[in-house]
Amino acid sequence: MSRIETVTQLEDLYGKPGPASLRKVADHVTPEYRVFIEAAPFAALATVGPEGLDCSPRGDKAGFVRVLDDGRTLLLPDRRGNNRVDSLSNIVRDPRVSLMFMVPGSGNIIRINGEAYLSIEPDLLDSFAVDGKPPRSVMVVAVGEIYFQCARAIIRSDLWNTEAQADPGTLPTPGQILATLTDGEVGGPNYDTEWPDRARKTMW
């Protein structure tokens, strides 16, 4: 199999990016980019650590990520999850992060690269409380660069077309996956049956 081994080979194959691809990059959250971030209920967070890379979902009500310092700082609360803390473990050892913000219905994706640390300052945590429950930490991101991503992937995938959505019944459930991986010790039908109520009680 032929492999590309150098950046020069890549550039020969793909050519140079157009002016718009380069000029769209800013070193802070501009007013226009801020509109997208505050409208986004979902972001993917990529981190890196000694064990490798991690990418995990972050979701909440639109506006859950705050923009501070004239667009040079983001605050992202860490809501309840599975307590693996893979992303957080990476951040305390390597501050490099990348965020991808998505707004349902929009073909534009906003990308941010920067460096982060975790804050447990009580007043900050309390400011993100929902139903009286603050997050256990808040990720503070120093924005290095921000830009919008080409919309072709969203268009090709037909991502926001509800008629194209998969029937969940045709997909393996988490309980089935766990049961297979553990020879039935964990998971199974009870896991799937109990999950909605468990999630409802531990959302925040």
N, C-alpha and C. Protein backbone atom coordinates (compact mmCIF):
# COMPACT_ATOMS: atom_id res chain seq x y z
N MET A 1 0.84 -1.20 0.00
CA MET A 1 0.00 0.00 0.00
C MET A 1 0.88 1.25 0.00
N SER A 2 0.60 2.17 -0.91
CA SER A 2 1.37 3.41 -0.97
C SER A 2 1.03 4.29 0.22
N ARG A 3 2.05 4.85 0.82
CA ARG A 3 1.86 5.69 2.00
C ARG A 3 2.46 7.07 1.78
N ILE A 4 1.78 8.07 2.32
CA ILE A 4 2.33 9.42 2.33
C ILE A 4 3.20 9.54 3.57
N GLU A 5 4.43 9.95 3.39
CA GLU A 5 5.38 9.98 4.50
C GLU A 5 5.82 11.39 4.89
N THR A 6 5.57 12.37 4.02
CA THR A 6 6.07 13.72 4.30
C THR A 6 4.99 14.76 4.03
N VAL A 7 5.16 15.93 4.65
CA VAL A 7 4.25 17.05 4.41
C VAL A 7 4.36 17.51 2.95
N THR A 8 5.55 17.42 2.40
CA THR A 8 5.72 17.81 0.99
C THR A 8 4.87 16.95 0.08
N GLN A 9 4.81 15.66 0.35
CA GLN A 9 3.95 14.78 -0.43
C GLN A 9 2.49 15.19 -0.31
N LEU A 10 2.08 15.54 0.91
CA LEU A 10 0.71 15.99 1.12
C LEU A 10 0.41 17.24 0.31
N GLU A 11 1.32 18.20 0.37
CA GLU A 11 1.11 19.45 -0.34
C GLU A 11 1.08 19.24 -1.85
N ASP A 12 1.90 18.32 -2.34
CA ASP A 12 1.88 18.02 -3.77
C ASP A 12 0.55 17.40 -4.19
N LEU A 13 -0.03 16.62 -3.29
CA LEU A 13 -1.29 15.94 -3.59
C LEU A 13 -2.49 16.87 -3.48
N TYR A 14 -2.52 17.68 -2.40
CA TYR A 14 -3.69 18.49 -2.11
C TYR A 14 -3.57 19.95 -2.54
N GLY A 15 -2.37 20.41 -2.74
CA GLY A 15 -2.20 21.81 -3.09
C GLY A 15 -2.23 22.70 -1.86
N LYS A 16 -2.14 24.00 -2.08
CA LYS A 16 -2.14 24.96 -0.99
C LYS A 16 -3.57 25.37 -0.64
N PRO A 17 -3.83 25.70 0.63
CA PRO A 17 -5.17 26.18 1.01
C PRO A 17 -5.42 27.56 0.43
N GLY A 18 -6.69 27.86 0.18
CA GLY A 18 -7.06 29.15 -0.34
C GLY A 18 -6.97 30.23 0.73
N PRO A 19 -7.04 31.50 0.31
CA PRO A 19 -6.92 32.61 1.27
C PRO A 19 -7.95 32.56 2.39
N ALA A 20 -9.20 32.19 2.08
CA ALA A 20 -10.24 32.15 3.11
C ALA A 20 -9.91 31.13 4.20
N SER A 21 -9.29 30.02 3.81
CA SER A 21 -8.95 28.98 4.79
C SER A 21 -7.94 29.46 5.80
N LEU A 22 -7.11 30.43 5.41
CA LEU A 22 -6.09 30.96 6.30
C LEU A 22 -6.57 32.20 7.04
N ARG A 23 -7.34 33.04 6.37
CA ARG A 23 -7.77 34.31 6.97
C ARG A 23 -8.87 34.13 8.00
N LYS A 24 -9.52 32.96 8.03
CA LYS A 24 -10.61 32.72 8.98
C LYS A 24 -10.10 32.48 10.40
N VAL A 25 -8.80 32.32 10.57
CA VAL A 25 -8.23 31.99 11.87
C VAL A 25 -8.01 33.27 12.69
N ALA A 26 -8.46 33.23 13.96
CA ALA A 26 -8.24 34.35 14.89
C ALA A 26 -7.59 33.81 16.15
N ASP A 27 -6.96 34.70 16.91
CA ASP A 27 -6.29 34.28 18.15
C ASP A 27 -7.15 34.52 19.38
N HIS A 28 -8.41 34.88 19.15
CA HIS A 28 -9.37 35.06 20.25
C HIS A 28 -10.77 34.87 19.68
N VAL A 29 -11.75 34.76 20.56
CA VAL A 29 -13.13 34.57 20.13
C VAL A 29 -13.69 35.92 19.68
N THR A 30 -13.87 36.08 18.41
CA THR A 30 -14.44 37.31 17.87
C THR A 30 -15.94 37.35 18.16
N PRO A 31 -16.59 38.51 18.02
CA PRO A 31 -18.04 38.57 18.28
C PRO A 31 -18.83 37.57 17.45
N GLU A 32 -18.43 37.36 16.18
CA GLU A 32 -19.15 36.42 15.33
C GLU A 32 -18.96 34.98 15.82
N TYR A 33 -17.74 34.63 16.17
CA TYR A 33 -17.50 33.28 16.68
C TYR A 33 -18.19 33.07 18.02
N ARG A 34 -18.30 34.12 18.80
CA ARG A 34 -18.96 34.01 20.10
C ARG A 34 -20.43 33.63 19.94
N VAL A 35 -21.08 34.15 18.91
CA VAL A 35 -22.48 33.79 18.66
C VAL A 35 -22.63 32.29 18.50
N PHE A 36 -21.72 31.67 17.76
CA PHE A 36 -21.78 30.22 17.56
C PHE A 36 -21.56 29.46 18.86
N ILE A 37 -20.55 29.86 19.63
CA ILE A 37 -20.25 29.15 20.88
C ILE A 37 -21.43 29.23 21.85
N GLU A 38 -22.04 30.40 21.94
CA GLU A 38 -23.16 30.57 22.87
C GLU A 38 -24.43 29.89 22.38
N ALA A 39 -24.48 29.52 21.10
CA ALA A 39 -25.63 28.80 20.57
C ALA A 39 -25.43 27.29 20.58
N ALA A 40 -24.21 26.85 20.90
CA ALA A 40 -23.87 25.43 20.81
C ALA A 40 -24.24 24.67 22.08
N PRO A 41 -25.06 23.60 21.96
CA PRO A 41 -25.35 22.75 23.11
C PRO A 41 -24.41 21.54 23.19
N PHE A 42 -23.47 21.46 22.24
CA PHE A 42 -22.61 20.27 22.18
C PHE A 42 -21.22 20.66 21.71
N ALA A 43 -20.21 20.03 22.32
CA ALA A 43 -18.83 20.20 21.88
C ALA A 43 -18.09 18.88 22.07
N ALA A 44 -17.14 18.62 21.20
CA ALA A 44 -16.23 17.49 21.37
C ALA A 44 -14.91 18.04 21.90
N LEU A 45 -14.39 17.40 22.93
CA LEU A 45 -13.15 17.83 23.58
C LEU A 45 -12.05 16.81 23.32
N ALA A 46 -10.97 17.27 22.69
CA ALA A 46 -9.82 16.40 22.45
C ALA A 46 -8.67 16.81 23.36
N THR A 47 -8.03 15.81 23.97
CA THR A 47 -6.90 16.03 24.88
C THR A 47 -5.82 15.01 24.56
N VAL A 48 -4.63 15.25 25.13
CA VAL A 48 -3.52 14.34 24.92
C VAL A 48 -2.81 14.10 26.25
N GLY A 49 -2.38 12.87 26.46
CA GLY A 49 -1.67 12.53 27.69
C GLY A 49 -0.67 11.43 27.44
N PRO A 50 0.03 10.98 28.47
CA PRO A 50 1.06 9.94 28.31
C PRO A 50 0.52 8.65 27.70
N GLU A 51 -0.75 8.34 27.97
CA GLU A 51 -1.32 7.10 27.43
C GLU A 51 -1.81 7.24 26.00
N GLY A 52 -1.87 8.49 25.50
CA GLY A 52 -2.34 8.70 24.14
C GLY A 52 -3.38 9.80 24.08
N LEU A 53 -4.21 9.76 23.05
CA LEU A 53 -5.22 10.78 22.80
C LEU A 53 -6.56 10.39 23.36
N ASP A 54 -7.39 11.39 23.58
CA ASP A 54 -8.76 11.15 24.04
C ASP A 54 -9.67 12.19 23.40
N CYS A 55 -10.85 11.78 23.03
CA CYS A 55 -11.85 12.70 22.53
C CYS A 55 -13.17 12.33 23.17
N SER A 56 -13.82 13.30 23.84
CA SER A 56 -15.04 12.97 24.55
C SER A 56 -16.08 14.06 24.34
N PRO A 57 -17.37 13.70 24.45
CA PRO A 57 -18.44 14.67 24.24
C PRO A 57 -18.66 15.54 25.46
N ARG A 58 -19.07 16.77 25.20
CA ARG A 58 -19.48 17.70 26.25
C ARG A 58 -20.79 18.34 25.79
N GLY A 59 -21.83 18.21 26.59
CA GLY A 59 -23.12 18.75 26.18
C GLY A 59 -23.91 19.30 27.34
N ASP A 60 -24.69 20.34 27.06
CA ASP A 60 -25.51 21.00 28.08
C ASP A 60 -26.44 21.95 27.33
N LYS A 61 -27.17 22.74 28.06
CA LYS A 61 -28.01 23.75 27.42
C LYS A 61 -27.12 24.73 26.66
N ALA A 62 -27.64 25.24 25.55
CA ALA A 62 -26.88 26.21 24.76
C ALA A 62 -26.40 27.35 25.65
N GLY A 63 -25.14 27.72 25.48
CA GLY A 63 -24.54 28.75 26.32
C GLY A 63 -23.81 28.19 27.51
N PHE A 64 -23.64 26.87 27.58
CA PHE A 64 -22.99 26.28 28.76
C PHE A 64 -21.50 26.61 28.82
N VAL A 65 -20.92 27.02 27.71
CA VAL A 65 -19.53 27.47 27.70
C VAL A 65 -19.51 28.99 27.72
N ARG A 66 -18.80 29.57 28.67
CA ARG A 66 -18.73 31.02 28.81
C ARG A 66 -17.47 31.57 28.14
N VAL A 67 -17.62 32.74 27.58
CA VAL A 67 -16.51 33.44 26.94
C VAL A 67 -16.12 34.64 27.80
N LEU A 68 -14.85 34.72 28.19
CA LEU A 68 -14.36 35.80 29.06
C LEU A 68 -13.17 36.51 28.43
N ASP A 69 -12.75 37.59 29.07
CA ASP A 69 -11.49 38.27 28.74
C ASP A 69 -11.42 38.66 27.27
N ASP A 70 -12.49 39.31 26.78
CA ASP A 70 -12.52 39.74 25.37
C ASP A 70 -12.25 38.58 24.42
N GLY A 71 -12.76 37.42 24.79
CA GLY A 71 -12.66 36.28 23.90
C GLY A 71 -11.38 35.48 24.00
N ARG A 72 -10.58 35.71 25.02
CA ARG A 72 -9.32 34.99 25.14
C ARG A 72 -9.38 33.83 26.13
N THR A 73 -10.50 33.70 26.82
CA THR A 73 -10.66 32.63 27.81
C THR A 73 -12.04 32.01 27.70
N LEU A 74 -12.12 30.69 27.81
CA LEU A 74 -13.38 29.96 27.87
C LEU A 74 -13.49 29.24 29.21
N LEU A 75 -14.72 29.13 29.72
CA LEU A 75 -15.00 28.35 30.92
C LEU A 75 -15.99 27.26 30.56
N LEU A 76 -15.63 26.02 30.88
CA LEU A 76 -16.47 24.88 30.54
C LEU A 76 -16.65 24.01 31.78
N PRO A 77 -17.89 23.93 32.31
CA PRO A 77 -18.12 23.12 33.51
C PRO A 77 -18.06 21.63 33.19
N ASP A 78 -17.55 20.84 34.11
CA ASP A 78 -17.53 19.39 33.92
C ASP A 78 -18.75 18.79 34.60
N ARG A 79 -19.72 18.41 33.79
CA ARG A 79 -20.95 17.82 34.32
C ARG A 79 -20.77 16.34 34.62
N ARG A 80 -21.80 15.74 35.21
CA ARG A 80 -21.74 14.34 35.62
C ARG A 80 -21.45 13.43 34.44
N GLY A 81 -20.67 12.39 34.69
CA GLY A 81 -20.34 11.42 33.66
C GLY A 81 -20.06 10.08 34.30
N ASN A 82 -19.16 9.33 33.68
CA ASN A 82 -18.88 7.97 34.16
C ASN A 82 -17.70 7.90 35.12
N ASN A 83 -17.13 9.07 35.47
CA ASN A 83 -16.01 9.14 36.41
C ASN A 83 -14.71 8.51 35.91
N ARG A 84 -14.61 8.25 34.60
CA ARG A 84 -13.32 7.79 34.08
C ARG A 84 -12.30 8.94 34.09
N VAL A 85 -12.76 10.15 33.98
CA VAL A 85 -11.94 11.38 33.96
C VAL A 85 -10.72 11.27 33.04
N ASP A 86 -10.90 10.61 31.89
CA ASP A 86 -9.79 10.49 30.95
C ASP A 86 -9.31 11.86 30.48
N SER A 87 -10.25 12.71 30.06
CA SER A 87 -9.88 14.03 29.56
C SER A 87 -9.24 14.87 30.65
N LEU A 88 -9.83 14.83 31.85
CA LEU A 88 -9.32 15.64 32.95
C LEU A 88 -7.94 15.18 33.38
N SER A 89 -7.72 13.88 33.39
CA SER A 89 -6.40 13.35 33.74
C SER A 89 -5.35 13.82 32.74
N ASN A 90 -5.75 13.87 31.48
CA ASN A 90 -4.82 14.36 30.46
C ASN A 90 -4.49 15.83 30.69
N ILE A 91 -5.50 16.64 30.98
CA ILE A 91 -5.29 18.08 31.11
C ILE A 91 -4.34 18.42 32.24
N VAL A 92 -4.42 17.71 33.36
CA VAL A 92 -3.53 18.04 34.48
C VAL A 92 -2.08 17.64 34.18
N ARG A 93 -1.88 16.84 33.15
CA ARG A 93 -0.53 16.44 32.79
C ARG A 93 -0.04 17.09 31.49
N ASP A 94 -0.99 17.48 30.64
CA ASP A 94 -0.64 18.14 29.37
C ASP A 94 -1.78 19.10 29.06
N PRO A 95 -1.53 20.42 29.07
CA PRO A 95 -2.62 21.38 28.96
C PRO A 95 -3.23 21.53 27.57
N ARG A 96 -2.66 20.92 26.56
CA ARG A 96 -3.16 21.11 25.20
C ARG A 96 -4.55 20.52 25.02
N VAL A 97 -5.46 21.33 24.47
CA VAL A 97 -6.83 20.88 24.23
C VAL A 97 -7.30 21.40 22.87
N SER A 98 -8.30 20.72 22.34
CA SER A 98 -8.98 21.18 21.14
C SER A 98 -10.47 20.96 21.34
N LEU A 99 -11.27 21.95 20.95
CA LEU A 99 -12.72 21.87 21.11
C LEU A 99 -13.38 22.05 19.75
N MET A 100 -14.43 21.28 19.51
CA MET A 100 -15.21 21.39 18.29
C MET A 100 -16.67 21.63 18.67
N PHE A 101 -17.17 22.83 18.39
CA PHE A 101 -18.53 23.20 18.75
C PHE A 101 -19.48 22.96 17.59
N MET A 102 -20.65 22.37 17.91
CA MET A 102 -21.65 22.08 16.89
C MET A 102 -22.99 22.67 17.31
N VAL A 103 -23.67 23.29 16.34
CA VAL A 103 -24.99 23.87 16.55
C VAL A 103 -25.98 23.11 15.68
N PRO A 104 -26.93 22.38 16.25
CA PRO A 104 -27.90 21.63 15.44
C PRO A 104 -28.55 22.53 14.40
N GLY A 105 -28.56 22.04 13.17
CA GLY A 105 -29.15 22.79 12.08
C GLY A 105 -28.16 23.62 11.30
N SER A 106 -26.97 23.85 11.84
CA SER A 106 -25.96 24.65 11.17
C SER A 106 -24.89 23.75 10.57
N GLY A 107 -24.45 24.09 9.38
CA GLY A 107 -23.37 23.34 8.75
C GLY A 107 -21.99 23.78 9.21
N ASN A 108 -21.92 24.88 9.92
CA ASN A 108 -20.63 25.40 10.35
C ASN A 108 -20.23 24.82 11.72
N ILE A 109 -18.99 24.41 11.80
CA ILE A 109 -18.42 23.88 13.04
C ILE A 109 -17.30 24.82 13.46
N ILE A 110 -17.26 25.17 14.75
CA ILE A 110 -16.25 26.08 15.25
C ILE A 110 -15.18 25.28 16.00
N ARG A 111 -13.93 25.50 15.63
CA ARG A 111 -12.81 24.79 16.22
C ARG A 111 -11.98 25.74 17.06
N ILE A 112 -11.56 25.27 18.23
CA ILE A 112 -10.67 26.05 19.09
C ILE A 112 -9.52 25.16 19.55
N ASN A 113 -8.31 25.67 19.43
CA ASN A 113 -7.14 25.03 20.00
C ASN A 113 -6.56 25.94 21.06
N GLY A 114 -6.12 25.35 22.17
CA GLY A 114 -5.57 26.18 23.23
C GLY A 114 -4.97 25.34 24.33
N GLU A 115 -4.83 25.94 25.50
CA GLU A 115 -4.31 25.25 26.67
C GLU A 115 -5.27 25.45 27.84
N ALA A 116 -5.39 24.43 28.67
CA ALA A 116 -6.41 24.45 29.73
C ALA A 116 -5.84 24.02 31.07
N TYR A 117 -6.54 24.44 32.11
CA TYR A 117 -6.31 23.90 33.44
C TYR A 117 -7.67 23.74 34.12
N LEU A 118 -7.71 23.00 35.22
CA LEU A 118 -8.95 22.74 35.95
C LEU A 118 -9.00 23.59 37.20
N SER A 119 -10.13 24.27 37.38
CA SER A 119 -10.33 25.09 38.58
C SER A 119 -11.40 24.48 39.47
N ILE A 120 -11.14 24.55 40.79
CA ILE A 120 -12.15 24.12 41.77
C ILE A 120 -12.46 25.27 42.73
N GLU A 121 -12.30 26.50 42.22
CA GLU A 121 -12.59 27.68 43.03
C GLU A 121 -14.08 27.68 43.38
N PRO A 122 -14.46 27.71 44.65
CA PRO A 122 -15.86 27.52 45.06
C PRO A 122 -16.85 28.47 44.40
N ASP A 123 -16.53 29.76 44.33
CA ASP A 123 -17.46 30.70 43.74
C ASP A 123 -17.67 30.42 42.25
N LEU A 124 -16.62 30.01 41.57
CA LEU A 124 -16.75 29.67 40.15
C LEU A 124 -17.63 28.44 39.97
N LEU A 125 -17.41 27.42 40.79
CA LEU A 125 -18.23 26.21 40.71
C LEU A 125 -19.70 26.55 40.96
N ASP A 126 -19.94 27.35 41.99
CA ASP A 126 -21.33 27.70 42.33
C ASP A 126 -22.00 28.48 41.21
N SER A 127 -21.24 29.25 40.46
CA SER A 127 -21.83 30.04 39.38
C SER A 127 -22.34 29.17 38.24
N PHE A 128 -21.89 27.91 38.20
CA PHE A 128 -22.33 26.99 37.16
C PHE A 128 -23.35 25.97 37.69
N ALA A 129 -23.83 26.17 38.91
CA ALA A 129 -24.75 25.19 39.51
C ALA A 129 -26.06 25.10 38.73
N VAL A 130 -26.58 23.89 38.63
CA VAL A 130 -27.90 23.63 38.04
C VAL A 130 -28.69 22.83 39.06
N ASP A 131 -29.88 23.29 39.37
CA ASP A 131 -30.70 22.64 40.39
C ASP A 131 -29.93 22.51 41.71
N GLY A 132 -29.12 23.52 42.02
CA GLY A 132 -28.37 23.52 43.25
C GLY A 132 -27.15 22.62 43.25
N LYS A 133 -26.80 22.05 42.09
CA LYS A 133 -25.68 21.12 42.02
C LYS A 133 -24.58 21.71 41.15
N PRO A 134 -23.48 22.14 41.76
CA PRO A 134 -22.36 22.69 40.98
C PRO A 134 -21.55 21.56 40.35
N PRO A 135 -20.81 21.86 39.29
CA PRO A 135 -19.87 20.86 38.76
C PRO A 135 -18.73 20.66 39.73
N ARG A 136 -18.02 19.57 39.60
CA ARG A 136 -16.90 19.31 40.49
C ARG A 136 -15.64 20.05 40.06
N SER A 137 -15.61 20.47 38.79
CA SER A 137 -14.50 21.28 38.32
C SER A 137 -14.96 22.08 37.10
N VAL A 138 -14.20 23.11 36.79
CA VAL A 138 -14.44 23.92 35.60
C VAL A 138 -13.14 23.99 34.82
N MET A 139 -13.24 23.71 33.53
CA MET A 139 -12.07 23.79 32.66
C MET A 139 -11.90 25.23 32.18
N VAL A 140 -10.73 25.78 32.42
CA VAL A 140 -10.40 27.14 31.99
C VAL A 140 -9.47 27.04 30.79
N VAL A 141 -9.92 27.53 29.65
CA VAL A 141 -9.18 27.38 28.39
C VAL A 141 -8.65 28.72 27.92
N ALA A 142 -7.35 28.80 27.74
CA ALA A 142 -6.74 29.96 27.09
C ALA A 142 -6.77 29.72 25.58
N VAL A 143 -7.50 30.55 24.87
CA VAL A 143 -7.69 30.35 23.43
C VAL A 143 -6.39 30.65 22.69
N GLY A 144 -5.94 29.69 21.89
CA GLY A 144 -4.77 29.90 21.04
C GLY A 144 -5.17 30.30 19.64
N GLU A 145 -6.15 29.58 19.09
CA GLU A 145 -6.67 29.91 17.77
C GLU A 145 -8.10 29.39 17.66
N ILE A 146 -8.88 30.09 16.81
CA ILE A 146 -10.27 29.71 16.58
C ILE A 146 -10.56 29.92 15.11
N TYR A 147 -11.36 29.01 14.54
CA TYR A 147 -11.74 29.15 13.14
C TYR A 147 -12.95 28.27 12.86
N PHE A 148 -13.64 28.55 11.75
CA PHE A 148 -14.77 27.70 11.38
C PHE A 148 -14.29 26.63 10.41
N GLN A 149 -14.91 25.47 10.54
CA GLN A 149 -14.55 24.32 9.72
C GLN A 149 -15.41 24.28 8.47
N CYS A 150 -14.85 23.75 7.38
CA CYS A 150 -15.61 23.56 6.14
C CYS A 150 -16.88 22.76 6.41
N ALA A 151 -18.00 23.17 5.81
CA ALA A 151 -19.31 22.56 6.08
C ALA A 151 -19.55 21.29 5.27
N ARG A 152 -18.64 20.90 4.41
CA ARG A 152 -18.92 19.77 3.52
C ARG A 152 -19.20 18.47 4.27
N ALA A 153 -18.50 18.24 5.39
CA ALA A 153 -18.73 17.00 6.14
C ALA A 153 -20.15 16.92 6.66
N ILE A 154 -20.69 18.05 7.16
CA ILE A 154 -22.07 18.06 7.65
C ILE A 154 -23.04 17.84 6.50
N ILE A 155 -22.76 18.46 5.36
CA ILE A 155 -23.63 18.30 4.20
C ILE A 155 -23.61 16.86 3.70
N ARG A 156 -22.42 16.29 3.57
CA ARG A 156 -22.32 14.91 3.07
C ARG A 156 -23.00 13.92 4.01
N SER A 157 -22.82 14.14 5.31
CA SER A 157 -23.37 13.18 6.28
C SER A 157 -24.87 13.33 6.46
N ASP A 158 -25.45 14.45 5.99
CA ASP A 158 -26.88 14.71 6.17
C ASP A 158 -27.24 14.66 7.65
N LEU A 159 -26.32 15.20 8.47
CA LEU A 159 -26.37 15.00 9.91
C LEU A 159 -27.66 15.49 10.56
N TRP A 160 -28.19 16.63 10.12
CA TRP A 160 -29.34 17.22 10.80
C TRP A 160 -30.67 16.81 10.19
N ASN A 161 -30.65 15.90 9.23
CA ASN A 161 -31.89 15.43 8.61
C ASN A 161 -32.53 14.37 9.49
N THR A 162 -33.64 14.71 10.14
CA THR A 162 -34.28 13.77 11.06
C THR A 162 -34.78 12.52 10.35
N GLU A 163 -35.13 12.64 9.07
CA GLU A 163 -35.61 11.48 8.32
C GLU A 163 -34.49 10.48 8.04
N ALA A 164 -33.24 10.94 8.16
CA ALA A 164 -32.10 10.06 7.90
C ALA A 164 -31.56 9.42 9.18
N GLN A 165 -32.18 9.73 10.33
CA GLN A 165 -31.68 9.18 11.59
C GLN A 165 -31.87 7.66 11.67
N ALA A 166 -30.92 7.01 12.29
CA ALA A 166 -30.99 5.56 12.45
C ALA A 166 -32.05 5.18 13.46
N ASP A 167 -32.63 4.02 13.29
CA ASP A 167 -33.55 3.44 14.27
C ASP A 167 -32.70 2.85 15.39
N PRO A 168 -32.79 3.39 16.62
CA PRO A 168 -31.96 2.87 17.72
C PRO A 168 -32.10 1.37 17.90
N GLY A 169 -33.26 0.83 17.54
CA GLY A 169 -33.49 -0.60 17.71
C GLY A 169 -32.63 -1.47 16.82
N THR A 170 -32.00 -0.87 15.80
CA THR A 170 -31.13 -1.63 14.90
C THR A 170 -29.68 -1.64 15.38
N LEU A 171 -29.40 -0.95 16.48
CA LEU A 171 -28.02 -0.83 16.96
C LEU A 171 -27.84 -1.61 18.26
N PRO A 172 -26.64 -2.12 18.52
CA PRO A 172 -26.39 -2.78 19.80
C PRO A 172 -26.56 -1.78 20.94
N THR A 173 -27.10 -2.23 22.06
CA THR A 173 -27.27 -1.36 23.22
C THR A 173 -26.01 -1.41 24.09
N PRO A 174 -25.81 -0.40 24.95
CA PRO A 174 -24.68 -0.47 25.89
C PRO A 174 -24.72 -1.74 26.73
N GLY A 175 -25.92 -2.15 27.15
CA GLY A 175 -26.02 -3.37 27.94
C GLY A 175 -25.54 -4.59 27.18
N GLN A 176 -25.87 -4.67 25.90
CA GLN A 176 -25.42 -5.78 25.08
C GLN A 176 -23.91 -5.76 24.89
N ILE A 177 -23.36 -4.55 24.66
CA ILE A 177 -21.91 -4.44 24.48
C ILE A 177 -21.18 -4.88 25.75
N LEU A 178 -21.65 -4.40 26.91
CA LEU A 178 -21.01 -4.76 28.16
C LEU A 178 -21.11 -6.26 28.43
N ALA A 179 -22.27 -6.83 28.16
CA ALA A 179 -22.46 -8.26 28.41
C ALA A 179 -21.51 -9.09 27.56
N THR A 180 -21.33 -8.69 26.32
CA THR A 180 -20.42 -9.42 25.44
C THR A 180 -18.98 -9.31 25.92
N LEU A 181 -18.57 -8.10 26.32
CA LEU A 181 -17.19 -7.88 26.75
C LEU A 181 -16.86 -8.55 28.07
N THR A 182 -17.87 -8.78 28.91
CA THR A 182 -17.61 -9.32 30.25
C THR A 182 -18.18 -10.72 30.44
N ASP A 183 -18.56 -11.37 29.35
CA ASP A 183 -19.17 -12.71 29.44
C ASP A 183 -20.37 -12.71 30.37
N GLY A 184 -21.14 -11.61 30.33
CA GLY A 184 -22.37 -11.54 31.09
C GLY A 184 -22.23 -11.06 32.51
N GLU A 185 -21.02 -10.76 32.96
CA GLU A 185 -20.84 -10.32 34.34
C GLU A 185 -21.38 -8.91 34.57
N VAL A 186 -21.30 -8.06 33.55
CA VAL A 186 -21.79 -6.69 33.64
C VAL A 186 -22.68 -6.42 32.44
N GLY A 187 -23.68 -5.58 32.65
CA GLY A 187 -24.54 -5.21 31.53
C GLY A 187 -25.77 -6.09 31.42
N GLY A 188 -26.21 -6.33 30.18
CA GLY A 188 -27.41 -7.12 29.95
C GLY A 188 -28.66 -6.26 29.91
N PRO A 189 -29.82 -6.89 29.76
CA PRO A 189 -31.08 -6.15 29.63
C PRO A 189 -31.38 -5.22 30.80
N ASN A 190 -31.04 -5.65 32.03
CA ASN A 190 -31.32 -4.80 33.19
C ASN A 190 -30.56 -3.48 33.13
N TYR A 191 -29.34 -3.52 32.62
CA TYR A 191 -28.55 -2.30 32.49
C TYR A 191 -29.28 -1.30 31.61
N ASP A 192 -29.78 -1.76 30.47
CA ASP A 192 -30.48 -0.87 29.55
C ASP A 192 -31.81 -0.39 30.11
N THR A 193 -32.50 -1.25 30.83
CA THR A 193 -33.80 -0.88 31.40
C THR A 193 -33.65 0.17 32.49
N GLU A 194 -32.60 0.03 33.29
CA GLU A 194 -32.40 0.94 34.43
C GLU A 194 -31.72 2.25 34.04
N TRP A 195 -31.07 2.28 32.88
CA TRP A 195 -30.27 3.45 32.51
C TRP A 195 -31.06 4.76 32.43
N PRO A 196 -32.22 4.82 31.79
CA PRO A 196 -32.92 6.12 31.69
C PRO A 196 -33.21 6.75 33.05
N ASP A 197 -33.66 5.95 34.00
CA ASP A 197 -33.97 6.50 35.32
C ASP A 197 -32.70 6.90 36.06
N ARG A 198 -31.65 6.10 35.91
CA ARG A 198 -30.38 6.41 36.55
C ARG A 198 -29.80 7.71 35.98
N ALA A 199 -29.91 7.89 34.68
CA ALA A 199 -29.39 9.11 34.06
C ALA A 199 -30.20 10.33 34.50
N ARG A 200 -31.51 10.15 34.59
CA ARG A 200 -32.37 11.27 34.99
C ARG A 200 -32.01 11.75 36.39
N LYS A 201 -31.70 10.85 37.28
CA LYS A 201 -31.40 11.20 38.67
C LYS A 201 -29.99 11.74 38.85
N THR A 202 -29.11 11.51 37.87
CA THR A 202 -27.71 11.93 38.02
C THR A 202 -27.25 12.85 36.89
N MET A 203 -28.19 13.56 36.27
CA MET A 203 -27.84 14.41 35.13
C MET A 203 -26.91 15.54 35.53
N TRP A 204 -27.13 16.13 36.70
CA TRP A 204 -26.29 17.25 37.14
C TRP A 204 -25.41 16.85 38.31
